[in-house]
Amino acid sequence: MFAERYGIHVMSRRCELTGKAVQVGHLVSHSNHKTKCRFLPNLCNVTLTSDALNRRVRLRVTAHALRSVEHRGGLDAFLVKAREIELSQTAKLLKREIQKKLGETAAAEPAAA
């Protein structure tokens, strides 16, 4: 929903929040015979709720990132603390919207007091 609105089409096997992607390595047998192998991230299609924006966002994230989001206290807290290099284009736009919304509410609170 969010990605289509901004014309973003991402289908790579990469976590949108942590940037974790496919790794390449070897499966090594007991006789030390090496076979090329791809190690895929554990990607899950999830719907996360943004408290600041009051809406849900569909993202493709790893199970590890999902645990990190819960540990940090939700999607908003995770994105505010995350580095932009690791985030996908969709997550970067979402982070900017959240920061803008949080900035507006922070500016409105001292005026009300």
PDB file of N, CA and C in Angstrom:
ATOM      1  N   MET A   1       0.832  -1.179   0.000  1.00  0.00           N
ATOM      2  CA  MET A   1       0.000   0.000   0.000  1.00  0.00           C
ATOM      3  C   MET A   1       0.880   1.248   0.000  1.00  0.00           C
ATOM      4  N   PHE A   2       1.802   1.346   0.942  1.00  0.00           N
ATOM      5  CA  PHE A   2       2.674   2.503   1.051  1.00  0.00           C
ATOM      6  C   PHE A   2       3.607   2.588  -0.141  1.00  0.00           C
ATOM      7  N   ALA A   3       4.177   1.421  -0.535  1.00  0.00           N
ATOM      8  CA  ALA A   3       5.129   1.385  -1.643  1.00  0.00           C
ATOM      9  C   ALA A   3       4.451   1.743  -2.961  1.00  0.00           C
ATOM     10  N   GLU A   4       3.236   1.239  -3.187  1.00  0.00           N
ATOM     11  CA  GLU A   4       2.543   1.524  -4.431  1.00  0.00           C
ATOM     12  C   GLU A   4       2.195   3.005  -4.545  1.00  0.00           C
ATOM     13  N   ARG A   5       1.909   3.615  -3.401  1.00  0.00           N
ATOM     14  CA  ARG A   5       1.541   5.032  -3.409  1.00  0.00           C
ATOM     15  C   ARG A   5       2.685   5.904  -3.910  1.00  0.00           C
ATOM     16  N   TYR A   6       3.923   5.517  -3.577  1.00  0.00           N
ATOM     17  CA  TYR A   6       5.081   6.288  -3.979  1.00  0.00           C
ATOM     18  C   TYR A   6       5.771   5.701  -5.215  1.00  0.00           C
ATOM     19  N   GLY A   7       5.179   4.671  -5.826  1.00  0.00           N
ATOM     20  CA  GLY A   7       5.735   4.102  -7.048  1.00  0.00           C
ATOM     21  C   GLY A   7       7.007   3.309  -6.828  1.00  0.00           C
ATOM     22  N   ILE A   8       7.134   2.668  -5.670  1.00  0.00           N
ATOM     23  CA  ILE A   8       8.325   1.902  -5.348  1.00  0.00           C
ATOM     24  C   ILE A   8       8.008   0.425  -5.528  1.00  0.00           C
ATOM     25  N   HIS A   9       8.857  -0.288  -6.259  1.00  0.00           N
ATOM     26  CA  HIS A   9       8.660  -1.712  -6.483  1.00  0.00           C
ATOM     27  C   HIS A   9       9.917  -2.444  -6.057  1.00  0.00           C
ATOM     28  N   VAL A  10       9.851  -3.107  -4.920  1.00  0.00           N
ATOM     29  CA  VAL A  10      11.007  -3.807  -4.383  1.00  0.00           C
ATOM     30  C   VAL A  10      10.654  -5.279  -4.228  1.00  0.00           C
ATOM     31  N   MET A  11      11.420  -6.158  -4.870  1.00  0.00           N
ATOM     32  CA  MET A  11      11.161  -7.583  -4.759  1.00  0.00           C
ATOM     33  C   MET A  11      12.426  -8.365  -4.389  1.00  0.00           C
ATOM     34  N   SER A  12      13.482  -7.685  -3.995  1.00  0.00           N
ATOM     35  CA  SER A  12      14.710  -8.392  -3.653  1.00  0.00           C
ATOM     36  C   SER A  12      14.559  -9.098  -2.316  1.00  0.00           C
ATOM     37  N   ARG A  13      15.413 -10.083  -2.095  1.00  0.00           N
ATOM     38  CA  ARG A  13      15.374 -10.812  -0.819  1.00  0.00           C
ATOM     39  C   ARG A  13      16.215 -10.068   0.199  1.00  0.00           C
ATOM     40  N   ARG A  14      15.678  -8.961   0.641  1.00  0.00           N
ATOM     41  CA  ARG A  14      16.370  -8.084   1.578  1.00  0.00           C
ATOM     42  C   ARG A  14      15.360  -7.560   2.589  1.00  0.00           C
ATOM     43  N   CYS A  15      15.761  -7.562   3.850  1.00  0.00           N
ATOM     44  CA  CYS A  15      14.905  -7.033   4.902  1.00  0.00           C
ATOM     45  C   CYS A  15      14.786  -5.521   4.735  1.00  0.00           C
ATOM     46  N   GLU A  16      13.563  -5.001   4.832  1.00  0.00           N
ATOM     47  CA  GLU A  16      13.351  -3.576   4.636  1.00  0.00           C
ATOM     48  C   GLU A  16      13.802  -2.736   5.828  1.00  0.00           C
ATOM     49  N   LEU A  17      13.961  -3.345   7.000  1.00  0.00           N
ATOM     50  CA  LEU A  17      14.339  -2.589   8.190  1.00  0.00           C
ATOM     51  C   LEU A  17      15.807  -2.735   8.566  1.00  0.00           C
ATOM     52  N   THR A  18      16.376  -3.923   8.403  1.00  0.00           N
ATOM     53  CA  THR A  18      17.770  -4.133   8.815  1.00  0.00           C
ATOM     54  C   THR A  18      18.737  -4.242   7.653  1.00  0.00           C
ATOM     55  N   GLY A  19      18.229  -4.458   6.441  1.00  0.00           N
ATOM     56  CA  GLY A  19      19.100  -4.580   5.280  1.00  0.00           C
ATOM     57  C   GLY A  19      19.730  -5.952   5.124  1.00  0.00           C
ATOM     58  N   LYS A  20      19.344  -6.898   5.967  1.00  0.00           N
ATOM     59  CA  LYS A  20      19.905  -8.251   5.881  1.00  0.00           C
ATOM     60  C   LYS A  20      19.483  -8.872   4.558  1.00  0.00           C
ATOM     61  N   ALA A  21      20.453  -9.470   3.826  1.00  0.00           N
ATOM     62  CA  ALA A  21      20.180 -10.000   2.487  1.00  0.00           C
ATOM     63  C   ALA A  21      20.743 -11.409   2.343  1.00  0.00           C
ATOM     64  N   VAL A  22      20.679 -11.924   1.126  1.00  0.00           N
ATOM     65  CA  VAL A  22      21.182 -13.258   0.820  1.00  0.00           C
ATOM     66  C   VAL A  22      22.696 -13.285   0.991  1.00  0.00           C
ATOM     67  N   GLN A  23      23.205 -14.363   1.611  1.00  0.00           N
ATOM     68  CA  GLN A  23      24.638 -14.563   1.740  1.00  0.00           C
ATOM     69  C   GLN A  23      25.039 -15.791   0.928  1.00  0.00           C
ATOM     70  N   VAL A  24      26.262 -15.793   0.460  1.00  0.00           N
ATOM     71  CA  VAL A  24      26.763 -16.913  -0.332  1.00  0.00           C
ATOM     72  C   VAL A  24      27.907 -17.559   0.430  1.00  0.00           C
ATOM     73  N   GLY A  25      27.916 -18.890   0.431  1.00  0.00           N
ATOM     74  CA  GLY A  25      28.981 -19.603   1.137  1.00  0.00           C
ATOM     75  C   GLY A  25      29.067 -21.032   0.655  1.00  0.00           C
ATOM     76  N   HIS A  26      29.678 -21.871   1.467  1.00  0.00           N
ATOM     77  CA  HIS A  26      29.856 -23.270   1.123  1.00  0.00           C
ATOM     78  C   HIS A  26      29.231 -24.165   2.186  1.00  0.00           C
ATOM     79  N   LEU A  27      28.652 -25.265   1.729  1.00  0.00           N
ATOM     80  CA  LEU A  27      28.323 -26.357   2.622  1.00  0.00           C
ATOM     81  C   LEU A  27      29.534 -27.280   2.590  1.00  0.00           C
ATOM     82  N   VAL A  28      30.092 -27.572   3.747  1.00  0.00           N
ATOM     83  CA  VAL A  28      31.327 -28.362   3.804  1.00  0.00           C
ATOM     84  C   VAL A  28      31.005 -29.732   4.385  1.00  0.00           C
ATOM     85  N   SER A  29      31.333 -30.771   3.630  1.00  0.00           N
ATOM     86  CA  SER A  29      31.076 -32.142   4.061  1.00  0.00           C
ATOM     87  C   SER A  29      32.186 -32.624   5.000  1.00  0.00           C
ATOM     88  N   HIS A  30      32.004 -33.821   5.522  1.00  0.00           N
ATOM     89  CA  HIS A  30      33.010 -34.410   6.405  1.00  0.00           C
ATOM     90  C   HIS A  30      34.338 -34.611   5.673  1.00  0.00           C
ATOM     91  N   SER A  31      34.268 -34.904   4.371  1.00  0.00           N
ATOM     92  CA  SER A  31      35.487 -35.092   3.570  1.00  0.00           C
ATOM     93  C   SER A  31      36.045 -33.765   3.065  1.00  0.00           C
ATOM     94  N   ASN A  32      35.510 -32.666   3.570  1.00  0.00           N
ATOM     95  CA  ASN A  32      35.929 -31.308   3.226  1.00  0.00           C
ATOM     96  C   ASN A  32      35.598 -30.949   1.781  1.00  0.00           C
ATOM     97  N   HIS A  33      34.581 -31.594   1.222  1.00  0.00           N
ATOM     98  CA  HIS A  33      34.099 -31.261  -0.122  1.00  0.00           C
ATOM     99  C   HIS A  33      33.187 -30.048  -0.001  1.00  0.00           C
ATOM    100  N   LYS A  34      33.477 -29.004  -0.775  1.00  0.00           N
ATOM    101  CA  LYS A  34      32.722 -27.752  -0.654  1.00  0.00           C
ATOM    102  C   LYS A  34      31.717 -27.617  -1.795  1.00  0.00           C
ATOM    103  N   THR A  35      30.479 -27.283  -1.436  1.00  0.00           N
ATOM    104  CA  THR A  35      29.406 -27.080  -2.400  1.00  0.00           C
ATOM    105  C   THR A  35      28.861 -25.673  -2.218  1.00  0.00           C
ATOM    106  N   LYS A  36      28.825 -24.902  -3.305  1.00  0.00           N
ATOM    107  CA  LYS A  36      28.299 -23.535  -3.252  1.00  0.00           C
ATOM    108  C   LYS A  36      26.850 -23.548  -2.765  1.00  0.00           C
ATOM    109  N   CYS A  37      26.509 -22.576  -1.940  1.00  0.00           N
ATOM    110  CA  CYS A  37      25.167 -22.542  -1.360  1.00  0.00           C
ATOM    111  C   CYS A  37      24.760 -21.092  -1.120  1.00  0.00           C
ATOM    112  N   ARG A  38      23.460 -20.832  -1.223  1.00  0.00           N
ATOM    113  CA  ARG A  38      22.914 -19.516  -0.886  1.00  0.00           C
ATOM    114  C   ARG A  38      22.170 -19.628   0.435  1.00  0.00           C
ATOM    115  N   PHE A  39      22.451 -18.720   1.350  1.00  0.00           N
ATOM    116  CA  PHE A  39      21.779 -18.691   2.639  1.00  0.00           C
ATOM    117  C   PHE A  39      20.764 -17.543   2.601  1.00  0.00           C
ATOM    118  N   LEU A  40      19.484 -17.891   2.586  1.00  0.00           N
ATOM    119  CA  LEU A  40      18.425 -16.905   2.442  1.00  0.00           C
ATOM    120  C   LEU A  40      17.967 -16.386   3.801  1.00  0.00           C
ATOM    121  N   PRO A  41      17.645 -15.078   3.897  1.00  0.00           N
ATOM    122  CA  PRO A  41      17.124 -14.552   5.160  1.00  0.00           C
ATOM    123  C   PRO A  41      15.703 -15.052   5.393  1.00  0.00           C
ATOM    124  N   ASN A  42      15.305 -15.133   6.645  1.00  0.00           N
ATOM    125  CA  ASN A  42      13.974 -15.603   7.017  1.00  0.00           C
ATOM    126  C   ASN A  42      12.988 -14.429   6.903  1.00  0.00           C
ATOM    127  N   LEU A  43      12.526 -14.165   5.670  1.00  0.00           N
ATOM    128  CA  LEU A  43      11.658 -13.017   5.419  1.00  0.00           C
ATOM    129  C   LEU A  43      10.198 -13.349   5.699  1.00  0.00           C
ATOM    130  N   CYS A  44       9.504 -12.377   6.305  1.00  0.00           N
ATOM    131  CA  CYS A  44       8.088 -12.522   6.623  1.00  0.00           C
ATOM    132  C   CYS A  44       7.368 -11.263   6.136  1.00  0.00           C
ATOM    133  N   ASN A  45       6.202 -11.455   5.536  1.00  0.00           N
ATOM    134  CA  ASN A  45       5.353 -10.317   5.181  1.00  0.00           C
ATOM    135  C   ASN A  45       4.506  -9.982   6.403  1.00  0.00           C
ATOM    136  N   VAL A  46       4.719  -8.793   6.964  1.00  0.00           N
ATOM    137  CA  VAL A  46       4.014  -8.419   8.183  1.00  0.00           C
ATOM    138  C   VAL A  46       3.350  -7.057   8.027  1.00  0.00           C
ATOM    139  N   THR A  47       2.350  -6.814   8.841  1.00  0.00           N
ATOM    140  CA  THR A  47       1.693  -5.514   8.913  1.00  0.00           C
ATOM    141  C   THR A  47       1.987  -4.941  10.289  1.00  0.00           C
ATOM    142  N   LEU A  48       2.707  -3.834  10.318  1.00  0.00           N
ATOM    143  CA  LEU A  48       3.065  -3.179  11.577  1.00  0.00           C
ATOM    144  C   LEU A  48       2.278  -1.886  11.712  1.00  0.00           C
ATOM    145  N   THR A  49       1.987  -1.507  12.943  1.00  0.00           N
ATOM    146  CA  THR A  49       1.201  -0.305  13.207  1.00  0.00           C
ATOM    147  C   THR A  49       2.113   0.834  13.641  1.00  0.00           C
ATOM    148  N   SER A  50       1.937   1.981  12.993  1.00  0.00           N
ATOM    149  CA  SER A  50       2.658   3.184  13.379  1.00  0.00           C
ATOM    150  C   SER A  50       1.762   3.997  14.301  1.00  0.00           C
ATOM    151  N   ASP A  51       2.215   4.205  15.533  1.00  0.00           N
ATOM    152  CA  ASP A  51       1.416   4.952  16.503  1.00  0.00           C
ATOM    153  C   ASP A  51       1.366   6.440  16.158  1.00  0.00           C
ATOM    154  N   ALA A  52       2.463   6.977  15.648  1.00  0.00           N
ATOM    155  CA  ALA A  52       2.518   8.400  15.322  1.00  0.00           C
ATOM    156  C   ALA A  52       1.616   8.740  14.141  1.00  0.00           C
ATOM    157  N   LEU A  53       1.588   7.856  13.128  1.00  0.00           N
ATOM    158  CA  LEU A  53       0.802   8.124  11.922  1.00  0.00           C
ATOM    159  C   LEU A  53      -0.617   7.569  11.994  1.00  0.00           C
ATOM    160  N   ASN A  54      -0.899   6.765  13.019  1.00  0.00           N
ATOM    161  CA  ASN A  54      -2.215   6.137  13.201  1.00  0.00           C
ATOM    162  C   ASN A  54      -2.647   5.325  11.986  1.00  0.00           C
ATOM    163  N   ARG A  55      -1.708   4.535  11.442  1.00  0.00           N
ATOM    164  CA  ARG A  55      -2.049   3.655  10.328  1.00  0.00           C
ATOM    165  C   ARG A  55      -1.132   2.449  10.322  1.00  0.00           C
ATOM    166  N   ARG A  56      -1.549   1.456   9.521  1.00  0.00           N
ATOM    167  CA  ARG A  56      -0.776   0.226   9.416  1.00  0.00           C
ATOM    168  C   ARG A  56       0.079   0.258   8.157  1.00  0.00           C
ATOM    169  N   VAL A  57       1.239  -0.421   8.233  1.00  0.00           N
ATOM    170  CA  VAL A  57       2.182  -0.451   7.125  1.00  0.00           C
ATOM    171  C   VAL A  57       2.595  -1.889   6.870  1.00  0.00           C
ATOM    172  N   ARG A  58       2.543  -2.316   5.607  1.00  0.00           N
ATOM    173  CA  ARG A  58       2.968  -3.664   5.240  1.00  0.00           C
ATOM    174  C   ARG A  58       4.434  -3.619   4.844  1.00  0.00           C
ATOM    175  N   LEU A  59       5.237  -4.465   5.478  1.00  0.00           N
ATOM    176  CA  LEU A  59       6.667  -4.529   5.203  1.00  0.00           C
ATOM    177  C   LEU A  59       7.102  -5.978   5.067  1.00  0.00           C
ATOM    178  N   ARG A  60       8.226  -6.189   4.408  1.00  0.00           N
ATOM    179  CA  ARG A  60       8.819  -7.520   4.274  1.00  0.00           C
ATOM    180  C   ARG A  60      10.100  -7.505   5.099  1.00  0.00           C
ATOM    181  N   VAL A  61      10.035  -8.097   6.275  1.00  0.00           N
ATOM    182  CA  VAL A  61      11.152  -8.037   7.220  1.00  0.00           C
ATOM    183  C   VAL A  61      11.546  -9.437   7.664  1.00  0.00           C
ATOM    184  N   THR A  62      12.750  -9.556   8.225  1.00  0.00           N
ATOM    185  CA  THR A  62      13.198 -10.831   8.766  1.00  0.00           C
ATOM    186  C   THR A  62      12.584 -11.046  10.139  1.00  0.00           C
ATOM    187  N   ALA A  63      12.587 -12.294  10.565  1.00  0.00           N
ATOM    188  CA  ALA A  63      12.074 -12.621  11.897  1.00  0.00           C
ATOM    189  C   ALA A  63      12.926 -11.934  12.966  1.00  0.00           C
ATOM    190  N   HIS A  64      14.209 -11.805  12.713  1.00  0.00           N
ATOM    191  CA  HIS A  64      15.110 -11.134  13.650  1.00  0.00           C
ATOM    192  C   HIS A  64      14.731  -9.651  13.785  1.00  0.00           C
ATOM    193  N   ALA A  65      14.428  -8.993  12.672  1.00  0.00           N
ATOM    194  CA  ALA A  65      14.033  -7.584  12.713  1.00  0.00           C
ATOM    195  C   ALA A  65      12.711  -7.404  13.436  1.00  0.00           C
ATOM    196  N   LEU A  66      11.818  -8.358  13.272  1.00  0.00           N
ATOM    197  CA  LEU A  66      10.523  -8.293  13.947  1.00  0.00           C
ATOM    198  C   LEU A  66      10.704  -8.329  15.462  1.00  0.00           C
ATOM    199  N   ARG A  67      11.625  -9.167  15.918  1.00  0.00           N
ATOM    200  CA  ARG A  67      11.929  -9.216  17.355  1.00  0.00           C
ATOM    201  C   ARG A  67      12.564  -7.910  17.816  1.00  0.00           C
ATOM    202  N   SER A  68      13.415  -7.310  16.978  1.00  0.00           N
ATOM    203  CA  SER A  68      14.063  -6.046  17.324  1.00  0.00           C
ATOM    204  C   SER A  68      13.044  -4.909  17.423  1.00  0.00           C
ATOM    205  N   VAL A  69      12.063  -4.914  16.528  1.00  0.00           N
ATOM    206  CA  VAL A  69      11.010  -3.893  16.567  1.00  0.00           C
ATOM    207  C   VAL A  69      10.254  -3.994  17.889  1.00  0.00           C
ATOM    208  N   GLU A  70       9.899  -5.200  18.287  1.00  0.00           N
ATOM    209  CA  GLU A  70       9.188  -5.396  19.550  1.00  0.00           C
ATOM    210  C   GLU A  70      10.062  -4.991  20.734  1.00  0.00           C
ATOM    211  N   HIS A  71      11.351  -5.298  20.669  1.00  0.00           N
ATOM    212  CA  HIS A  71      12.274  -4.996  21.767  1.00  0.00           C
ATOM    213  C   HIS A  71      12.433  -3.481  21.950  1.00  0.00           C
ATOM    214  N   ARG A  72      12.465  -2.740  20.843  1.00  0.00           N
ATOM    215  CA  ARG A  72      12.662  -1.293  20.923  1.00  0.00           C
ATOM    216  C   ARG A  72      11.383  -0.527  21.237  1.00  0.00           C
ATOM    217  N   GLY A  73      10.248  -1.207  21.239  1.00  0.00           N
ATOM    218  CA  GLY A  73       9.019  -0.537  21.640  1.00  0.00           C
ATOM    219  C   GLY A  73       8.123  -0.136  20.493  1.00  0.00           C
ATOM    220  N   GLY A  74       8.212  -0.801  19.368  1.00  0.00           N
ATOM    221  CA  GLY A  74       7.310  -0.523  18.254  1.00  0.00           C
ATOM    222  C   GLY A  74       8.032   0.000  17.033  1.00  0.00           C
ATOM    223  N   LEU A  75       7.273   0.127  15.952  1.00  0.00           N
ATOM    224  CA  LEU A  75       7.838   0.537  14.667  1.00  0.00           C
ATOM    225  C   LEU A  75       8.400   1.948  14.721  1.00  0.00           C
ATOM    226  N   ASP A  76       7.694   2.873  15.359  1.00  0.00           N
ATOM    227  CA  ASP A  76       8.149   4.269  15.408  1.00  0.00           C
ATOM    228  C   ASP A  76       9.494   4.388  16.105  1.00  0.00           C
ATOM    229  N   ALA A  77       9.629   3.756  17.255  1.00  0.00           N
ATOM    230  CA  ALA A  77      10.892   3.818  18.009  1.00  0.00           C
ATOM    231  C   ALA A  77      12.021   3.162  17.227  1.00  0.00           C
ATOM    232  N   PHE A  78      11.717   2.058  16.550  1.00  0.00           N
ATOM    233  CA  PHE A  78      12.745   1.365  15.770  1.00  0.00           C
ATOM    234  C   PHE A  78      13.243   2.247  14.631  1.00  0.00           C
ATOM    235  N   LEU A  79      12.328   2.852  13.880  1.00  0.00           N
ATOM    236  CA  LEU A  79      12.717   3.663  12.727  1.00  0.00           C
ATOM    237  C   LEU A  79      13.445   4.938  13.123  1.00  0.00           C
ATOM    238  N   VAL A  80      13.046   5.555  14.224  1.00  0.00           N
ATOM    239  CA  VAL A  80      13.718   6.785  14.665  1.00  0.00           C
ATOM    240  C   VAL A  80      15.170   6.491  15.017  1.00  0.00           C
ATOM    241  N   LYS A  81      15.419   5.310  15.590  1.00  0.00           N
ATOM    242  CA  LYS A  81      16.771   4.949  16.018  1.00  0.00           C
ATOM    243  C   LYS A  81      17.600   4.317  14.898  1.00  0.00           C
ATOM    244  N   ALA A  82      16.958   3.812  13.829  1.00  0.00           N
ATOM    245  CA  ALA A  82      17.655   3.083  12.774  1.00  0.00           C
ATOM    246  C   ALA A  82      18.474   4.016  11.886  1.00  0.00           C
ATOM    247  N   ARG A  83      19.557   3.451  11.312  1.00  0.00           N
ATOM    248  CA  ARG A  83      20.384   4.203  10.374  1.00  0.00           C
ATOM    249  C   ARG A  83      19.752   4.143   8.987  1.00  0.00           C
ATOM    250  N   GLU A  84      19.834   5.254   8.255  1.00  0.00           N
ATOM    251  CA  GLU A  84      19.199   5.321   6.928  1.00  0.00           C
ATOM    252  C   GLU A  84      19.855   4.391   5.921  1.00  0.00           C
ATOM    253  N   ILE A  85      21.119   4.052   6.106  1.00  0.00           N
ATOM    254  CA  ILE A  85      21.832   3.180   5.171  1.00  0.00           C
ATOM    255  C   ILE A  85      21.199   1.797   5.124  1.00  0.00           C
ATOM    256  N   GLU A  86      20.731   1.302   6.258  1.00  0.00           N
ATOM    257  CA  GLU A  86      20.166  -0.042   6.341  1.00  0.00           C
ATOM    258  C   GLU A  86      18.732  -0.113   5.825  1.00  0.00           C
ATOM    259  N   LEU A  87      18.020   0.999   5.819  1.00  0.00           N
ATOM    260  CA  LEU A  87      16.594   0.989   5.495  1.00  0.00           C
ATOM    261  C   LEU A  87      16.349   0.956   3.995  1.00  0.00           C
ATOM    262  N   SER A  88      15.221   0.359   3.609  1.00  0.00           N
ATOM    263  CA  SER A  88      14.801   0.375   2.213  1.00  0.00           C
ATOM    264  C   SER A  88      14.209   1.751   1.900  1.00  0.00           C
ATOM    265  N   GLN A  89      13.919   1.985   0.629  1.00  0.00           N
ATOM    266  CA  GLN A  89      13.340   3.267   0.223  1.00  0.00           C
ATOM    267  C   GLN A  89      11.993   3.500   0.904  1.00  0.00           C
ATOM    268  N   THR A  90      11.194   2.461   1.014  1.00  0.00           N
ATOM    269  CA  THR A  90       9.893   2.560   1.679  1.00  0.00           C
ATOM    270  C   THR A  90      10.053   2.932   3.145  1.00  0.00           C
ATOM    271  N   ALA A  91      10.995   2.270   3.819  1.00  0.00           N
ATOM    272  CA  ALA A  91      11.224   2.532   5.234  1.00  0.00           C
ATOM    273  C   ALA A  91      11.802   3.930   5.455  1.00  0.00           C
ATOM    274  N   LYS A  92      12.631   4.424   4.530  1.00  0.00           N
ATOM    275  CA  LYS A  92      13.176   5.781   4.645  1.00  0.00           C
ATOM    276  C   LYS A  92      12.064   6.819   4.577  1.00  0.00           C
ATOM    277  N   LEU A  93      11.148   6.647   3.621  1.00  0.00           N
ATOM    278  CA  LEU A  93      10.023   7.573   3.514  1.00  0.00           C
ATOM    279  C   LEU A  93       9.149   7.524   4.760  1.00  0.00           C
ATOM    280  N   LEU A  94       8.937   6.324   5.273  1.00  0.00           N
ATOM    281  CA  LEU A  94       8.148   6.157   6.483  1.00  0.00           C
ATOM    282  C   LEU A  94       8.825   6.822   7.676  1.00  0.00           C
ATOM    283  N   LYS A  95      10.135   6.669   7.769  1.00  0.00           N
ATOM    284  CA  LYS A  95      10.897   7.283   8.866  1.00  0.00           C
ATOM    285  C   LYS A  95      10.780   8.801   8.824  1.00  0.00           C
ATOM    286  N   ARG A  96      10.874   9.376   7.626  1.00  0.00           N
ATOM    287  CA  ARG A  96      10.764  10.831   7.492  1.00  0.00           C
ATOM    288  C   ARG A  96       9.372  11.324   7.889  1.00  0.00           C
ATOM    289  N   GLU A  97       8.335  10.570   7.501  1.00  0.00           N
ATOM    290  CA  GLU A  97       6.968  10.944   7.886  1.00  0.00           C
ATOM    291  C   GLU A  97       6.799  10.893   9.396  1.00  0.00           C
ATOM    292  N   ILE A  98       7.343   9.861  10.022  1.00  0.00           N
ATOM    293  CA  ILE A  98       7.230   9.711  11.478  1.00  0.00           C
ATOM    294  C   ILE A  98       7.983  10.829  12.191  1.00  0.00           C
ATOM    295  N   GLN A  99       9.204  11.140  11.733  1.00  0.00           N
ATOM    296  CA  GLN A  99       9.971  12.216  12.361  1.00  0.00           C
ATOM    297  C   GLN A  99       9.263  13.559  12.222  1.00  0.00           C
ATOM    298  N   LYS A 100       8.664  13.793  11.055  1.00  0.00           N
ATOM    299  CA  LYS A 100       7.934  15.037  10.832  1.00  0.00           C
ATOM    300  C   LYS A 100       6.741  15.130  11.781  1.00  0.00           C
ATOM    301  N   LYS A 101       6.008  14.024  11.918  1.00  0.00           N
ATOM    302  CA  LYS A 101       4.833  13.997  12.788  1.00  0.00           C
ATOM    303  C   LYS A 101       5.234  14.177  14.254  1.00  0.00           C
ATOM    304  N   LEU A 102       6.317  13.485  14.670  1.00  0.00           N
ATOM    305  CA  LEU A 102       6.784  13.614  16.049  1.00  0.00           C
ATOM    306  C   LEU A 102       7.304  15.022  16.326  1.00  0.00           C
ATOM    307  N   GLY A 103       7.925  15.653  15.324  1.00  0.00           N
ATOM    308  CA  GLY A 103       8.391  17.030  15.467  1.00  0.00           C
ATOM    309  C   GLY A 103       7.241  18.008  15.633  1.00  0.00           C
ATOM    310  N   GLU A 104       6.155  17.767  14.892  1.00  0.00           N
ATOM    311  CA  GLU A 104       4.981  18.630  14.996  1.00  0.00           C
ATOM    312  C   GLU A 104       4.328  18.510  16.375  1.00  0.00           C
ATOM    313  N   THR A 105       4.219  17.285  16.875  1.00  0.00           N
ATOM    314  CA  THR A 105       3.592  17.100  18.186  1.00  0.00           C
ATOM    315  C   THR A 105       4.467  17.650  19.304  1.00  0.00           C
ATOM    316  N   ALA A 106       5.801  17.545  19.153  1.00  0.00           N
ATOM    317  CA  ALA A 106       6.713  18.092  20.170  1.00  0.00           C
ATOM    318  C   ALA A 106       6.637  19.610  20.190  1.00  0.00           C
ATOM    319  N   ALA A 107       6.473  20.231  19.017  1.00  0.00           N
ATOM    320  CA  ALA A 107       6.369  21.686  18.950  1.00  0.00           C
ATOM    321  C   ALA A 107       5.026  22.172  19.491  1.00  0.00           C
ATOM    322  N   ALA A 108       3.989  21.375  19.356  1.00  0.00           N
ATOM    323  CA  ALA A 108       2.660  21.771  19.815  1.00  0.00           C
ATOM    324  C   ALA A 108       2.503  21.630  21.331  1.00  0.00           C
ATOM    325  N   GLU A 109       3.207  20.721  21.958  1.00  0.00           N
ATOM    326  CA  GLU A 109       3.071  20.493  23.402  1.00  0.00           C
ATOM    327  C   GLU A 109       3.509  21.682  24.249  1.00  0.00           C
ATOM    328  N   PRO A 110       4.679  22.311  24.007  1.00  0.00           N
ATOM    329  CA  PRO A 110       5.042  23.480  24.842  1.00  0.00           C
ATOM    330  C   PRO A 110       4.080  24.661  24.659  1.00  0.00           C
ATOM    331  N   ALA A 111       3.521  24.810  23.485  1.00  0.00           N
ATOM    332  CA  ALA A 111       2.583  25.909  23.253  1.00  0.00           C
ATOM    333  C   ALA A 111       1.282  25.707  24.032  1.00  0.00           C
ATOM    334  N   ALA A 112       0.879  24.461  24.194  1.00  0.00           N
ATOM    335  CA  ALA A 112      -0.350  24.162  24.935  1.00  0.00           C
ATOM    336  C   ALA A 112      -0.157  24.324  26.454  1.00  0.00           C
ATOM    337  N   ALA A 113       1.068  24.150  26.928  1.00  0.00           N
ATOM    338  CA  ALA A 113       1.328  24.226  28.370  1.00  0.00           C
ATOM    339  C   ALA A 113       1.488  25.614  28.868  1.00  0.00           C
TER     340      ALA A 113
END
